């Protein structure tokens, strides 16, 4: 996943979750902290998925090197 695609995915997931949880909690000021915290969860999921795939790619490349 390129860095541009990662940023676009993070922004879209955060905005969709913020709007969804905001609608559920009623966009009240005392609930906006919960809305913000719940909206961070998909963002962390995207980042962890991308870092895991980068690590797997690194080790796959490293294990496929020719050994002389």
N, C-alpha and C. Protein backbone atom coordinates (compact mmCIF):
# COMPACT_ATOMS: atom_id res chain seq x y z
N UNK A 1 0.86 -1.17 0.00
CA UNK A 1 0.00 0.00 0.00
C UNK A 1 0.90 1.23 0.00
N UNK A 2 0.71 2.10 -0.96
CA UNK A 2 1.54 3.30 -1.03
C UNK A 2 1.13 4.28 0.07
N UNK A 3 1.97 5.27 0.30
CA UNK A 3 1.70 6.21 1.38
C UNK A 3 0.48 7.07 1.05
N UNK A 4 0.24 7.35 -0.24
CA UNK A 4 -0.94 8.15 -0.61
C UNK A 4 -2.22 7.35 -0.36
N UNK A 5 -2.20 6.09 -0.74
CA UNK A 5 -3.38 5.24 -0.52
C UNK A 5 -3.63 5.05 0.97
N UNK A 6 -2.55 4.94 1.74
CA UNK A 6 -2.70 4.78 3.18
C UNK A 6 -3.34 6.02 3.81
N UNK A 7 -2.90 7.21 3.41
CA UNK A 7 -3.46 8.44 3.96
C UNK A 7 -4.92 8.60 3.56
N UNK A 8 -5.25 8.29 2.31
CA UNK A 8 -6.64 8.38 1.87
C UNK A 8 -7.52 7.40 2.63
N UNK A 9 -7.04 6.17 2.84
CA UNK A 9 -7.82 5.18 3.59
C UNK A 9 -8.01 5.61 5.04
N UNK A 10 -6.98 6.18 5.64
CA UNK A 10 -7.08 6.64 7.03
C UNK A 10 -8.09 7.77 7.15
N UNK A 11 -8.03 8.74 6.25
CA UNK A 11 -8.94 9.89 6.30
C UNK A 11 -10.38 9.43 6.10
N UNK A 12 -10.61 8.59 5.10
CA UNK A 12 -11.98 8.13 4.83
C UNK A 12 -12.52 7.31 5.99
N UNK A 13 -11.72 6.40 6.53
CA UNK A 13 -12.21 5.58 7.65
C UNK A 13 -12.48 6.43 8.88
N UNK A 14 -11.62 7.42 9.15
CA UNK A 14 -11.84 8.28 10.31
C UNK A 14 -13.11 9.10 10.13
N UNK A 15 -13.31 9.70 8.96
CA UNK A 15 -14.49 10.53 8.75
C UNK A 15 -15.78 9.72 8.79
N UNK A 16 -15.77 8.53 8.18
CA UNK A 16 -16.97 7.69 8.21
C UNK A 16 -17.30 7.25 9.63
N UNK A 17 -16.28 6.84 10.37
CA UNK A 17 -16.53 6.40 11.75
C UNK A 17 -16.93 7.58 12.63
N UNK A 18 -16.31 8.74 12.42
CA UNK A 18 -16.65 9.91 13.21
C UNK A 18 -18.11 10.31 12.97
N UNK A 19 -18.53 10.28 11.70
CA UNK A 19 -19.91 10.63 11.38
C UNK A 19 -20.87 9.58 11.94
N UNK A 20 -20.52 8.30 11.80
CA UNK A 20 -21.40 7.24 12.30
C UNK A 20 -21.55 7.25 13.80
N UNK A 21 -20.42 7.31 14.51
CA UNK A 21 -20.49 7.33 15.97
C UNK A 21 -21.07 8.65 16.47
N UNK A 22 -20.80 9.74 15.77
CA UNK A 22 -21.40 11.01 16.15
C UNK A 22 -22.91 10.97 16.02
N UNK A 23 -23.39 10.32 14.97
CA UNK A 23 -24.83 10.18 14.80
C UNK A 23 -25.43 9.31 15.91
N UNK A 24 -24.72 8.24 16.28
CA UNK A 24 -25.20 7.35 17.34
C UNK A 24 -25.23 8.08 18.69
N UNK A 25 -24.15 8.81 18.99
CA UNK A 25 -24.07 9.50 20.27
C UNK A 25 -24.73 10.87 20.26
N UNK A 26 -25.22 11.32 19.14
CA UNK A 26 -26.00 12.55 19.08
C UNK A 26 -25.18 13.83 18.96
N UNK A 27 -23.90 13.75 18.66
CA UNK A 27 -23.03 14.92 18.51
C UNK A 27 -23.10 15.86 19.70
N UNK A 28 -23.26 15.31 20.89
CA UNK A 28 -23.24 16.13 22.10
C UNK A 28 -21.80 16.37 22.51
N UNK A 29 -21.53 17.52 23.09
CA UNK A 29 -20.17 17.90 23.42
C UNK A 29 -19.53 16.93 24.41
N UNK A 30 -20.30 16.44 25.37
CA UNK A 30 -19.73 15.53 26.37
C UNK A 30 -19.42 14.15 25.78
N UNK A 31 -20.00 13.82 24.64
CA UNK A 31 -19.76 12.52 24.02
C UNK A 31 -18.73 12.57 22.89
N UNK A 32 -18.25 13.75 22.53
CA UNK A 32 -17.32 13.84 21.40
C UNK A 32 -15.99 13.17 21.69
N UNK A 33 -15.59 13.09 22.96
CA UNK A 33 -14.36 12.38 23.29
C UNK A 33 -14.50 10.90 22.96
N UNK A 34 -15.65 10.32 23.29
CA UNK A 34 -15.89 8.91 22.97
C UNK A 34 -15.94 8.70 21.46
N UNK A 35 -16.57 9.62 20.76
CA UNK A 35 -16.66 9.53 19.30
C UNK A 35 -15.26 9.56 18.70
N UNK A 36 -14.41 10.45 19.19
CA UNK A 36 -13.05 10.55 18.68
C UNK A 36 -12.25 9.29 18.98
N UNK A 37 -12.39 8.76 20.20
CA UNK A 37 -11.64 7.56 20.58
C UNK A 37 -12.08 6.35 19.75
N UNK A 38 -13.38 6.19 19.54
CA UNK A 38 -13.86 5.06 18.74
C UNK A 38 -13.49 5.21 17.27
N UNK A 39 -13.33 6.45 16.81
CA UNK A 39 -12.97 6.67 15.41
C UNK A 39 -11.51 6.38 15.14
N UNK A 40 -10.69 6.36 16.17
CA UNK A 40 -9.26 6.06 16.01
C UNK A 40 -9.03 4.57 15.75
N UNK A 41 -9.93 3.70 16.22
CA UNK A 41 -9.74 2.25 16.13
C UNK A 41 -9.52 1.76 14.69
N UNK A 42 -10.35 2.15 13.71
CA UNK A 42 -10.09 1.68 12.34
C UNK A 42 -8.78 2.23 11.77
N UNK A 43 -8.41 3.44 12.18
CA UNK A 43 -7.15 4.03 11.73
C UNK A 43 -5.98 3.18 12.21
N UNK A 44 -6.02 2.76 13.46
CA UNK A 44 -4.96 1.90 13.99
C UNK A 44 -4.95 0.55 13.29
N UNK A 45 -6.13 0.07 12.95
CA UNK A 45 -6.22 -1.20 12.21
C UNK A 45 -5.57 -1.11 10.84
N UNK A 46 -5.79 0.00 10.14
CA UNK A 46 -5.17 0.19 8.82
C UNK A 46 -3.66 0.25 8.96
N UNK A 47 -3.18 0.99 9.95
CA UNK A 47 -1.73 1.13 10.14
C UNK A 47 -1.09 -0.21 10.53
N UNK A 48 -1.75 -0.98 11.39
CA UNK A 48 -1.17 -2.26 11.79
C UNK A 48 -1.19 -3.26 10.65
N UNK A 49 -2.24 -3.25 9.84
CA UNK A 49 -2.29 -4.16 8.69
C UNK A 49 -1.17 -3.82 7.71
N UNK A 50 -0.95 -2.54 7.47
CA UNK A 50 0.08 -2.15 6.52
C UNK A 50 1.47 -2.47 7.04
N UNK A 51 1.72 -2.25 8.31
CA UNK A 51 3.05 -2.56 8.84
C UNK A 51 3.29 -4.06 8.85
N UNK A 52 2.25 -4.85 9.12
CA UNK A 52 2.41 -6.31 9.11
C UNK A 52 2.73 -6.79 7.70
N UNK A 53 2.07 -6.23 6.69
CA UNK A 53 2.34 -6.67 5.32
C UNK A 53 3.74 -6.25 4.88
N UNK A 54 4.23 -5.10 5.36
CA UNK A 54 5.59 -4.68 5.03
C UNK A 54 6.61 -5.62 5.65
N UNK A 55 6.37 -6.05 6.88
CA UNK A 55 7.29 -6.97 7.54
C UNK A 55 7.30 -8.31 6.82
N UNK A 56 6.12 -8.82 6.45
CA UNK A 56 6.07 -10.08 5.72
C UNK A 56 6.78 -9.97 4.38
N UNK A 57 6.63 -8.84 3.70
CA UNK A 57 7.29 -8.63 2.42
C UNK A 57 8.81 -8.64 2.59
N UNK A 58 9.28 -8.00 3.65
CA UNK A 58 10.72 -7.93 3.92
C UNK A 58 11.29 -9.32 4.14
N UNK A 59 10.62 -10.11 4.98
CA UNK A 59 11.14 -11.45 5.26
C UNK A 59 10.99 -12.38 4.07
N UNK A 60 9.95 -12.21 3.28
CA UNK A 60 9.80 -13.03 2.08
C UNK A 60 10.94 -12.72 1.11
N UNK A 61 11.26 -11.44 0.97
CA UNK A 61 12.36 -11.06 0.09
C UNK A 61 13.69 -11.56 0.65
N UNK A 62 13.85 -11.47 1.94
CA UNK A 62 15.09 -11.89 2.58
C UNK A 62 15.29 -13.40 2.48
N UNK A 63 14.22 -14.16 2.60
CA UNK A 63 14.33 -15.62 2.54
C UNK A 63 14.50 -16.14 1.12
N UNK A 64 14.14 -15.33 0.13
CA UNK A 64 14.26 -15.77 -1.26
C UNK A 64 15.57 -15.36 -1.91
N UNK A 65 16.48 -14.79 -1.13
CA UNK A 65 17.78 -14.42 -1.70
C UNK A 65 18.56 -15.68 -2.08
N UNK A 66 19.38 -15.52 -3.07
CA UNK A 66 20.23 -16.66 -3.45
C UNK A 66 21.40 -16.74 -2.49
N UNK A 67 21.67 -17.94 -2.09
CA UNK A 67 22.81 -18.16 -1.19
C UNK A 67 23.90 -18.87 -1.98
N UNK A 68 25.05 -18.28 -1.99
CA UNK A 68 26.18 -18.87 -2.73
C UNK A 68 27.13 -19.54 -1.80
